[in-house]
Amino acid sequence: MLTKFKQKSQITIPKDIVNKLGLSEGDEIDISEKNGVIYMIPVSVYPKKYVDGLKKEVGEIKEKIASGKKPVFDDLDALLEKLDKR
């Protein structure tokens, strides 16, 4: 799809791409260039404290799994089946 480069270095992202990616006003996009190609990647930015908390929680879960305290499922269907039985 073609779009025009406008004043102040602005471009318009085609609506079907915006819809497909679920983008909305205020979303952040990381823009970079490599070998003449422009890359635009939607990103989510979270506070460091929140990310650190998630990392800690994931670490604790991994430790429990390694020690056999939490069940490990072969696939998502097996997990959902177990949850449905509760």
PDB file of N, CA and C in Angstrom:
ATOM      1  N   MET A   1       0.836  -1.177   0.000  1.00  0.00           N
ATOM      2  CA  MET A   1       0.000   0.000   0.000  1.00  0.00           C
ATOM      3  C   MET A   1       0.879   1.238   0.000  1.00  0.00           C
ATOM      4  N   LEU A   2       0.433   2.194  -0.703  1.00  0.00           N
ATOM      5  CA  LEU A   2       1.178   3.443  -0.773  1.00  0.00           C
ATOM      6  C   LEU A   2       0.565   4.482   0.157  1.00  0.00           C
ATOM      7  N   THR A   3       1.428   5.296   0.708  1.00  0.00           N
ATOM      8  CA  THR A   3       0.995   6.432   1.508  1.00  0.00           C
ATOM      9  C   THR A   3       1.953   7.575   1.211  1.00  0.00           C
ATOM     10  N   LYS A   4       1.521   8.780   1.418  1.00  0.00           N
ATOM     11  CA  LYS A   4       2.369   9.940   1.109  1.00  0.00           C
ATOM     12  C   LYS A   4       3.062  10.458   2.352  1.00  0.00           C
ATOM     13  N   PHE A   5       4.278  10.898   2.157  1.00  0.00           N
ATOM     14  CA  PHE A   5       5.072  11.554   3.189  1.00  0.00           C
ATOM     15  C   PHE A   5       4.607  12.998   3.246  1.00  0.00           C
ATOM     16  N   LYS A   6       4.149  13.472   4.404  1.00  0.00           N
ATOM     17  CA  LYS A   6       3.556  14.800   4.534  1.00  0.00           C
ATOM     18  C   LYS A   6       4.479  15.745   5.297  1.00  0.00           C
ATOM     19  N   GLN A   7       3.976  16.967   5.489  1.00  0.00           N
ATOM     20  CA  GLN A   7       4.718  17.960   6.268  1.00  0.00           C
ATOM     21  C   GLN A   7       5.052  17.408   7.642  1.00  0.00           C
ATOM     22  N   LYS A   8       6.116  17.885   8.211  1.00  0.00           N
ATOM     23  CA  LYS A   8       6.564  17.497   9.547  1.00  0.00           C
ATOM     24  C   LYS A   8       6.831  15.993   9.642  1.00  0.00           C
ATOM     25  N   SER A   9       7.223  15.377   8.539  1.00  0.00           N
ATOM     26  CA  SER A   9       7.589  13.957   8.484  1.00  0.00           C
ATOM     27  C   SER A   9       6.453  13.020   8.873  1.00  0.00           C
ATOM     28  N   GLN A  10       5.214  13.395   8.606  1.00  0.00           N
ATOM     29  CA  GLN A  10       4.071  12.576   8.981  1.00  0.00           C
ATOM     30  C   GLN A  10       3.653  11.652   7.834  1.00  0.00           C
ATOM     31  N   ILE A  11       3.149  10.464   8.220  1.00  0.00           N
ATOM     32  CA  ILE A  11       2.553   9.548   7.263  1.00  0.00           C
ATOM     33  C   ILE A  11       1.235   9.052   7.849  1.00  0.00           C
ATOM     34  N   THR A  12       0.383   8.516   7.004  1.00  0.00           N
ATOM     35  CA  THR A  12      -0.867   7.924   7.456  1.00  0.00           C
ATOM     36  C   THR A  12      -0.767   6.420   7.248  1.00  0.00           C
ATOM     37  N   ILE A  13      -1.031   5.658   8.300  1.00  0.00           N
ATOM     38  CA  ILE A  13      -1.045   4.207   8.189  1.00  0.00           C
ATOM     39  C   ILE A  13      -2.416   3.819   7.633  1.00  0.00           C
ATOM     40  N   PRO A  14      -2.455   3.018   6.566  1.00  0.00           N
ATOM     41  CA  PRO A  14      -3.743   2.636   5.984  1.00  0.00           C
ATOM     42  C   PRO A  14      -4.679   2.008   7.019  1.00  0.00           C
ATOM     43  N   LYS A  15      -5.973   2.345   6.904  1.00  0.00           N
ATOM     44  CA  LYS A  15      -6.971   1.937   7.890  1.00  0.00           C
ATOM     45  C   LYS A  15      -7.045   0.420   8.063  1.00  0.00           C
ATOM     46  N   ASP A  16      -6.928  -0.348   6.987  1.00  0.00           N
ATOM     47  CA  ASP A  16      -7.032  -1.796   7.146  1.00  0.00           C
ATOM     48  C   ASP A  16      -5.882  -2.361   7.972  1.00  0.00           C
ATOM     49  N   ILE A  17      -4.707  -1.744   7.912  1.00  0.00           N
ATOM     50  CA  ILE A  17      -3.575  -2.177   8.742  1.00  0.00           C
ATOM     51  C   ILE A  17      -3.825  -1.777  10.194  1.00  0.00           C
ATOM     52  N   VAL A  18      -4.324  -0.554  10.389  1.00  0.00           N
ATOM     53  CA  VAL A  18      -4.651  -0.087  11.741  1.00  0.00           C
ATOM     54  C   VAL A  18      -5.659  -1.036  12.384  1.00  0.00           C
ATOM     55  N   ASN A  19      -6.694  -1.397  11.645  1.00  0.00           N
ATOM     56  CA  ASN A  19      -7.722  -2.300  12.165  1.00  0.00           C
ATOM     57  C   ASN A  19      -7.161  -3.691  12.431  1.00  0.00           C
ATOM     58  N   LYS A  20      -6.372  -4.206  11.503  1.00  0.00           N
ATOM     59  CA  LYS A  20      -5.805  -5.554  11.645  1.00  0.00           C
ATOM     60  C   LYS A  20      -4.933  -5.657  12.892  1.00  0.00           C
ATOM     61  N   LEU A  21      -4.185  -4.611  13.185  1.00  0.00           N
ATOM     62  CA  LEU A  21      -3.289  -4.605  14.347  1.00  0.00           C
ATOM     63  C   LEU A  21      -3.971  -4.118  15.618  1.00  0.00           C
ATOM     64  N   GLY A  22      -5.195  -3.631  15.497  1.00  0.00           N
ATOM     65  CA  GLY A  22      -5.919  -3.146  16.669  1.00  0.00           C
ATOM     66  C   GLY A  22      -5.326  -1.875  17.249  1.00  0.00           C
ATOM     67  N   LEU A  23      -4.755  -1.044  16.397  1.00  0.00           N
ATOM     68  CA  LEU A  23      -4.134   0.200  16.865  1.00  0.00           C
ATOM     69  C   LEU A  23      -5.191   1.267  17.123  1.00  0.00           C
ATOM     70  N   SER A  24      -4.894   2.134  18.078  1.00  0.00           N
ATOM     71  CA  SER A  24      -5.778   3.266  18.343  1.00  0.00           C
ATOM     72  C   SER A  24      -4.943   4.472  18.754  1.00  0.00           C
ATOM     73  N   GLU A  25      -5.584   5.618  18.752  1.00  0.00           N
ATOM     74  CA  GLU A  25      -4.885   6.862  19.080  1.00  0.00           C
ATOM     75  C   GLU A  25      -4.188   6.743  20.428  1.00  0.00           C
ATOM     76  N   GLY A  26      -2.936   7.166  20.473  1.00  0.00           N
ATOM     77  CA  GLY A  26      -2.161   7.123  21.705  1.00  0.00           C
ATOM     78  C   GLY A  26      -1.251   5.906  21.810  1.00  0.00           C
ATOM     79  N   ASP A  27      -1.492   4.873  20.971  1.00  0.00           N
ATOM     80  CA  ASP A  27      -0.611   3.710  20.985  1.00  0.00           C
ATOM     81  C   ASP A  27       0.796   4.135  20.567  1.00  0.00           C
ATOM     82  N   GLU A  28       1.782   3.431  21.085  1.00  0.00           N
ATOM     83  CA  GLU A  28       3.173   3.757  20.766  1.00  0.00           C
ATOM     84  C   GLU A  28       3.715   2.783  19.729  1.00  0.00           C
ATOM     85  N   ILE A  29       4.538   3.319  18.823  1.00  0.00           N
ATOM     86  CA  ILE A  29       5.131   2.525  17.758  1.00  0.00           C
ATOM     87  C   ILE A  29       6.627   2.806  17.740  1.00  0.00           C
ATOM     88  N   ASP A  30       7.417   1.739  17.775  1.00  0.00           N
ATOM     89  CA  ASP A  30       8.872   1.857  17.675  1.00  0.00           C
ATOM     90  C   ASP A  30       9.228   1.886  16.191  1.00  0.00           C
ATOM     91  N   ILE A  31       9.940   2.917  15.765  1.00  0.00           N
ATOM     92  CA  ILE A  31      10.323   3.055  14.369  1.00  0.00           C
ATOM     93  C   ILE A  31      11.841   2.995  14.273  1.00  0.00           C
ATOM     94  N   SER A  32      12.324   2.112  13.395  1.00  0.00           N
ATOM     95  CA  SER A  32      13.763   1.990  13.195  1.00  0.00           C
ATOM     96  C   SER A  32      14.050   1.782  11.711  1.00  0.00           C
ATOM     97  N   GLU A  33      15.318   1.878  11.353  1.00  0.00           N
ATOM     98  CA  GLU A  33      15.746   1.708   9.965  1.00  0.00           C
ATOM     99  C   GLU A  33      16.940   0.781   9.926  1.00  0.00           C
ATOM    100  N   LYS A  34      16.950  -0.114   8.971  1.00  0.00           N
ATOM    101  CA  LYS A  34      18.095  -0.990   8.764  1.00  0.00           C
ATOM    102  C   LYS A  34      18.233  -1.278   7.275  1.00  0.00           C
ATOM    103  N   ASN A  35      19.387  -0.953   6.738  1.00  0.00           N
ATOM    104  CA  ASN A  35      19.678  -1.183   5.318  1.00  0.00           C
ATOM    105  C   ASN A  35      18.619  -0.579   4.395  1.00  0.00           C
ATOM    106  N   GLY A  36      18.149   0.615   4.731  1.00  0.00           N
ATOM    107  CA  GLY A  36      17.198   1.326   3.889  1.00  0.00           C
ATOM    108  C   GLY A  36      15.753   0.905   4.060  1.00  0.00           C
ATOM    109  N   VAL A  37      15.473  -0.003   4.993  1.00  0.00           N
ATOM    110  CA  VAL A  37      14.107  -0.453   5.248  1.00  0.00           C
ATOM    111  C   VAL A  37      13.626   0.159   6.554  1.00  0.00           C
ATOM    112  N   ILE A  38      12.430   0.738   6.544  1.00  0.00           N
ATOM    113  CA  ILE A  38      11.845   1.329   7.741  1.00  0.00           C
ATOM    114  C   ILE A  38      10.951   0.285   8.402  1.00  0.00           C
ATOM    115  N   TYR A  39      11.175   0.043   9.687  1.00  0.00           N
ATOM    116  CA  TYR A  39      10.381  -0.904  10.459  1.00  0.00           C
ATOM    117  C   TYR A  39       9.536  -0.140  11.461  1.00  0.00           C
ATOM    118  N   MET A  40       8.262  -0.480  11.541  1.00  0.00           N
ATOM    119  CA  MET A  40       7.349   0.131  12.502  1.00  0.00           C
ATOM    120  C   MET A  40       6.748  -1.002  13.324  1.00  0.00           C
ATOM    121  N   ILE A  41       7.015  -1.012  14.634  1.00  0.00           N
ATOM    122  CA  ILE A  41       6.570  -2.099  15.492  1.00  0.00           C
ATOM    123  C   ILE A  41       5.754  -1.526  16.647  1.00  0.00           C
ATOM    124  N   PRO A  42       4.454  -1.915  16.732  1.00  0.00           N
ATOM    125  CA  PRO A  42       3.653  -1.462  17.877  1.00  0.00           C
ATOM    126  C   PRO A  42       4.232  -2.035  19.171  1.00  0.00           C
ATOM    127  N   VAL A  43       4.265  -1.221  20.208  1.00  0.00           N
ATOM    128  CA  VAL A  43       4.816  -1.666  21.489  1.00  0.00           C
ATOM    129  C   VAL A  43       3.881  -1.280  22.629  1.00  0.00           C
ATOM    130  N   SER A  44       4.001  -2.011  23.716  1.00  0.00           N
ATOM    131  CA  SER A  44       3.314  -1.664  24.955  1.00  0.00           C
ATOM    132  C   SER A  44       4.377  -1.285  25.966  1.00  0.00           C
ATOM    133  N   VAL A  45       4.190  -0.178  26.623  1.00  0.00           N
ATOM    134  CA  VAL A  45       5.160   0.299  27.596  1.00  0.00           C
ATOM    135  C   VAL A  45       4.543   0.166  28.986  1.00  0.00           C
ATOM    136  N   TYR A  46       5.238  -0.540  29.858  1.00  0.00           N
ATOM    137  CA  TYR A  46       4.774  -0.749  31.227  1.00  0.00           C
ATOM    138  C   TYR A  46       5.800  -0.197  32.202  1.00  0.00           C
ATOM    139  N   PRO A  47       5.355   0.256  33.364  1.00  0.00           N
ATOM    140  CA  PRO A  47       6.300   0.744  34.371  1.00  0.00           C
ATOM    141  C   PRO A  47       7.259  -0.372  34.793  1.00  0.00           C
ATOM    142  N   LYS A  48       8.505  -0.014  35.054  1.00  0.00           N
ATOM    143  CA  LYS A  48       9.531  -0.979  35.438  1.00  0.00           C
ATOM    144  C   LYS A  48       9.102  -1.796  36.655  1.00  0.00           C
ATOM    145  N   LYS A  49       8.477  -1.162  37.627  1.00  0.00           N
ATOM    146  CA  LYS A  49       8.041  -1.855  38.840  1.00  0.00           C
ATOM    147  C   LYS A  49       7.067  -2.985  38.490  1.00  0.00           C
ATOM    148  N   TYR A  50       6.154  -2.740  37.556  1.00  0.00           N
ATOM    149  CA  TYR A  50       5.193  -3.756  37.126  1.00  0.00           C
ATOM    150  C   TYR A  50       5.906  -4.924  36.446  1.00  0.00           C
ATOM    151  N   VAL A  51       6.827  -4.609  35.545  1.00  0.00           N
ATOM    152  CA  VAL A  51       7.584  -5.653  34.830  1.00  0.00           C
ATOM    153  C   VAL A  51       8.422  -6.456  35.813  1.00  0.00           C
ATOM    154  N   ASP A  52       9.062  -5.795  36.760  1.00  0.00           N
ATOM    155  CA  ASP A  52       9.859  -6.506  37.766  1.00  0.00           C
ATOM    156  C   ASP A  52       8.985  -7.462  38.584  1.00  0.00           C
ATOM    157  N   GLY A  53       7.777  -7.024  38.921  1.00  0.00           N
ATOM    158  CA  GLY A  53       6.856  -7.881  39.660  1.00  0.00           C
ATOM    159  C   GLY A  53       6.471  -9.121  38.854  1.00  0.00           C
ATOM    160  N   LEU A  54       6.226  -8.934  37.549  1.00  0.00           N
ATOM    161  CA  LEU A  54       5.907 -10.074  36.691  1.00  0.00           C
ATOM    162  C   LEU A  54       7.078 -11.053  36.608  1.00  0.00           C
ATOM    163  N   LYS A  55       8.281 -10.509  36.466  1.00  0.00           N
ATOM    164  CA  LYS A  55       9.471 -11.369  36.404  1.00  0.00           C
ATOM    165  C   LYS A  55       9.618 -12.188  37.682  1.00  0.00           C
ATOM    166  N   LYS A  56       9.381 -11.554  38.817  1.00  0.00           N
ATOM    167  CA  LYS A  56       9.479 -12.255  40.098  1.00  0.00           C
ATOM    168  C   LYS A  56       8.440 -13.373  40.171  1.00  0.00           C
ATOM    169  N   GLU A  57       7.220 -13.062  39.762  1.00  0.00           N
ATOM    170  CA  GLU A  57       6.141 -14.053  39.797  1.00  0.00           C
ATOM    171  C   GLU A  57       6.442 -15.236  38.873  1.00  0.00           C
ATOM    172  N   VAL A  58       6.926 -14.960  37.682  1.00  0.00           N
ATOM    173  CA  VAL A  58       7.282 -16.026  36.744  1.00  0.00           C
ATOM    174  C   VAL A  58       8.409 -16.876  37.323  1.00  0.00           C
ATOM    175  N   GLY A  59       9.395 -16.236  37.952  1.00  0.00           N
ATOM    176  CA  GLY A  59      10.493 -16.976  38.586  1.00  0.00           C
ATOM    177  C   GLY A  59       9.991 -17.917  39.668  1.00  0.00           C
ATOM    178  N   GLU A  60       9.053 -17.430  40.475  1.00  0.00           N
ATOM    179  CA  GLU A  60       8.483 -18.269  41.542  1.00  0.00           C
ATOM    180  C   GLU A  60       7.722 -19.455  40.958  1.00  0.00           C
ATOM    181  N   ILE A  61       6.978 -19.226  39.898  1.00  0.00           N
ATOM    182  CA  ILE A  61       6.231 -20.307  39.255  1.00  0.00           C
ATOM    183  C   ILE A  61       7.194 -21.339  38.666  1.00  0.00           C
ATOM    184  N   LYS A  62       8.259 -20.877  38.031  1.00  0.00           N
ATOM    185  CA  LYS A  62       9.255 -21.803  37.478  1.00  0.00           C
ATOM    186  C   LYS A  62       9.882 -22.652  38.572  1.00  0.00           C
ATOM    187  N   GLU A  63      10.164 -22.046  39.715  1.00  0.00           N
ATOM    188  CA  GLU A  63      10.734 -22.798  40.839  1.00  0.00           C
ATOM    189  C   GLU A  63       9.762 -23.870  41.324  1.00  0.00           C
ATOM    190  N   LYS A  64       8.474 -23.521  41.419  1.00  0.00           N
ATOM    191  CA  LYS A  64       7.476 -24.492  41.854  1.00  0.00           C
ATOM    192  C   LYS A  64       7.351 -25.642  40.861  1.00  0.00           C
ATOM    193  N   ILE A  65       7.363 -25.322  39.588  1.00  0.00           N
ATOM    194  CA  ILE A  65       7.275 -26.365  38.563  1.00  0.00           C
ATOM    195  C   ILE A  65       8.487 -27.287  38.650  1.00  0.00           C
ATOM    196  N   ALA A  66       9.682 -26.685  38.798  1.00  0.00           N
ATOM    197  CA  ALA A  66      10.914 -27.484  38.888  1.00  0.00           C
ATOM    198  C   ALA A  66      10.903 -28.400  40.105  1.00  0.00           C
ATOM    199  N   SER A  67      10.267 -27.963  41.191  1.00  0.00           N
ATOM    200  CA  SER A  67      10.241 -28.778  42.411  1.00  0.00           C
ATOM    201  C   SER A  67       9.059 -29.749  42.425  1.00  0.00           C
ATOM    202  N   GLY A  68       8.253 -29.731  41.365  1.00  0.00           N
ATOM    203  CA  GLY A  68       7.129 -30.647  41.275  1.00  0.00           C
ATOM    204  C   GLY A  68       5.876 -30.180  41.988  1.00  0.00           C
ATOM    205  N   LYS A  69       5.851 -28.952  42.459  1.00  0.00           N
ATOM    206  CA  LYS A  69       4.699 -28.448  43.217  1.00  0.00           C
ATOM    207  C   LYS A  69       3.551 -27.990  42.322  1.00  0.00           C
ATOM    208  N   LYS A  70       3.801 -27.750  41.074  1.00  0.00           N
ATOM    209  CA  LYS A  70       2.756 -27.321  40.150  1.00  0.00           C
ATOM    210  C   LYS A  70       2.688 -28.303  38.990  1.00  0.00           C
ATOM    211  N   PRO A  71       1.482 -28.604  38.524  1.00  0.00           N
ATOM    212  CA  PRO A  71       1.369 -29.533  37.394  1.00  0.00           C
ATOM    213  C   PRO A  71       1.887 -28.904  36.105  1.00  0.00           C
ATOM    214  N   VAL A  72       2.412 -29.722  35.240  1.00  0.00           N
ATOM    215  CA  VAL A  72       2.863 -29.293  33.923  1.00  0.00           C
ATOM    216  C   VAL A  72       1.960 -29.984  32.909  1.00  0.00           C
ATOM    217  N   PHE A  73       1.443 -29.238  31.969  1.00  0.00           N
ATOM    218  CA  PHE A  73       0.521 -29.775  30.985  1.00  0.00           C
ATOM    219  C   PHE A  73       1.203 -29.879  29.626  1.00  0.00           C
ATOM    220  N   ASP A  74       0.836 -30.905  28.886  1.00  0.00           N
ATOM    221  CA  ASP A  74       1.432 -31.126  27.567  1.00  0.00           C
ATOM    222  C   ASP A  74       0.941 -30.116  26.539  1.00  0.00           C
ATOM    223  N   ASP A  75      -0.283 -29.630  26.731  1.00  0.00           N
ATOM    224  CA  ASP A  75      -0.820 -28.645  25.802  1.00  0.00           C
ATOM    225  C   ASP A  75      -1.931 -27.831  26.485  1.00  0.00           C
ATOM    226  N   LEU A  76      -2.409 -26.847  25.796  1.00  0.00           N
ATOM    227  CA  LEU A  76      -3.422 -25.949  26.345  1.00  0.00           C
ATOM    228  C   LEU A  76      -4.722 -26.694  26.622  1.00  0.00           C
ATOM    229  N   ASP A  77      -5.088 -27.627  25.753  1.00  0.00           N
ATOM    230  CA  ASP A  77      -6.328 -28.383  25.964  1.00  0.00           C
ATOM    231  C   ASP A  77      -6.308 -29.151  27.280  1.00  0.00           C
ATOM    232  N   ALA A  78      -5.163 -29.744  27.615  1.00  0.00           N
ATOM    233  CA  ALA A  78      -5.047 -30.486  28.875  1.00  0.00           C
ATOM    234  C   ALA A  78      -5.213 -29.541  30.066  1.00  0.00           C
ATOM    235  N   LEU A  79      -4.647 -28.353  29.980  1.00  0.00           N
ATOM    236  CA  LEU A  79      -4.788 -27.370  31.058  1.00  0.00           C
ATOM    237  C   LEU A  79      -6.243 -26.953  31.210  1.00  0.00           C
ATOM    238  N   LEU A  80      -6.900 -26.639  30.084  1.00  0.00           N
ATOM    239  CA  LEU A  80      -8.289 -26.206  30.150  1.00  0.00           C
ATOM    240  C   LEU A  80      -9.193 -27.311  30.684  1.00  0.00           C
ATOM    241  N   GLU A  81      -8.921 -28.539  30.295  1.00  0.00           N
ATOM    242  CA  GLU A  81      -9.703 -29.682  30.804  1.00  0.00           C
ATOM    243  C   GLU A  81      -9.579 -29.770  32.321  1.00  0.00           C
ATOM    244  N   LYS A  82      -8.376 -29.630  32.842  1.00  0.00           N
ATOM    245  CA  LYS A  82      -8.136 -29.671  34.286  1.00  0.00           C
ATOM    246  C   LYS A  82      -8.870 -28.532  34.986  1.00  0.00           C
ATOM    247  N   LEU A  83      -8.845 -27.335  34.407  1.00  0.00           N
ATOM    248  CA  LEU A  83      -9.517 -26.190  35.009  1.00  0.00           C
ATOM    249  C   LEU A  83     -11.031 -26.360  34.995  1.00  0.00           C
ATOM    250  N   ASP A  84     -11.556 -26.976  33.942  1.00  0.00           N
ATOM    251  CA  ASP A  84     -13.010 -27.213  33.863  1.00  0.00           C
ATOM    252  C   ASP A  84     -13.486 -28.158  34.948  1.00  0.00           C
ATOM    253  N   LYS A  85     -12.627 -29.052  35.414  1.00  0.00           N
ATOM    254  CA  LYS A  85     -12.999 -30.026  36.430  1.00  0.00           C
ATOM    255  C   LYS A  85     -13.094 -29.411  37.807  1.00  0.00           C
ATOM    256  N   ARG A  86     -12.574 -28.223  38.003  1.00  0.00           N
ATOM    257  CA  ARG A  86     -12.580 -27.568  39.317  1.00  0.00           C
ATOM    258  C   ARG A  86     -13.914 -27.019  39.648  1.00  0.00           C
TER     259      ARG A  86
END
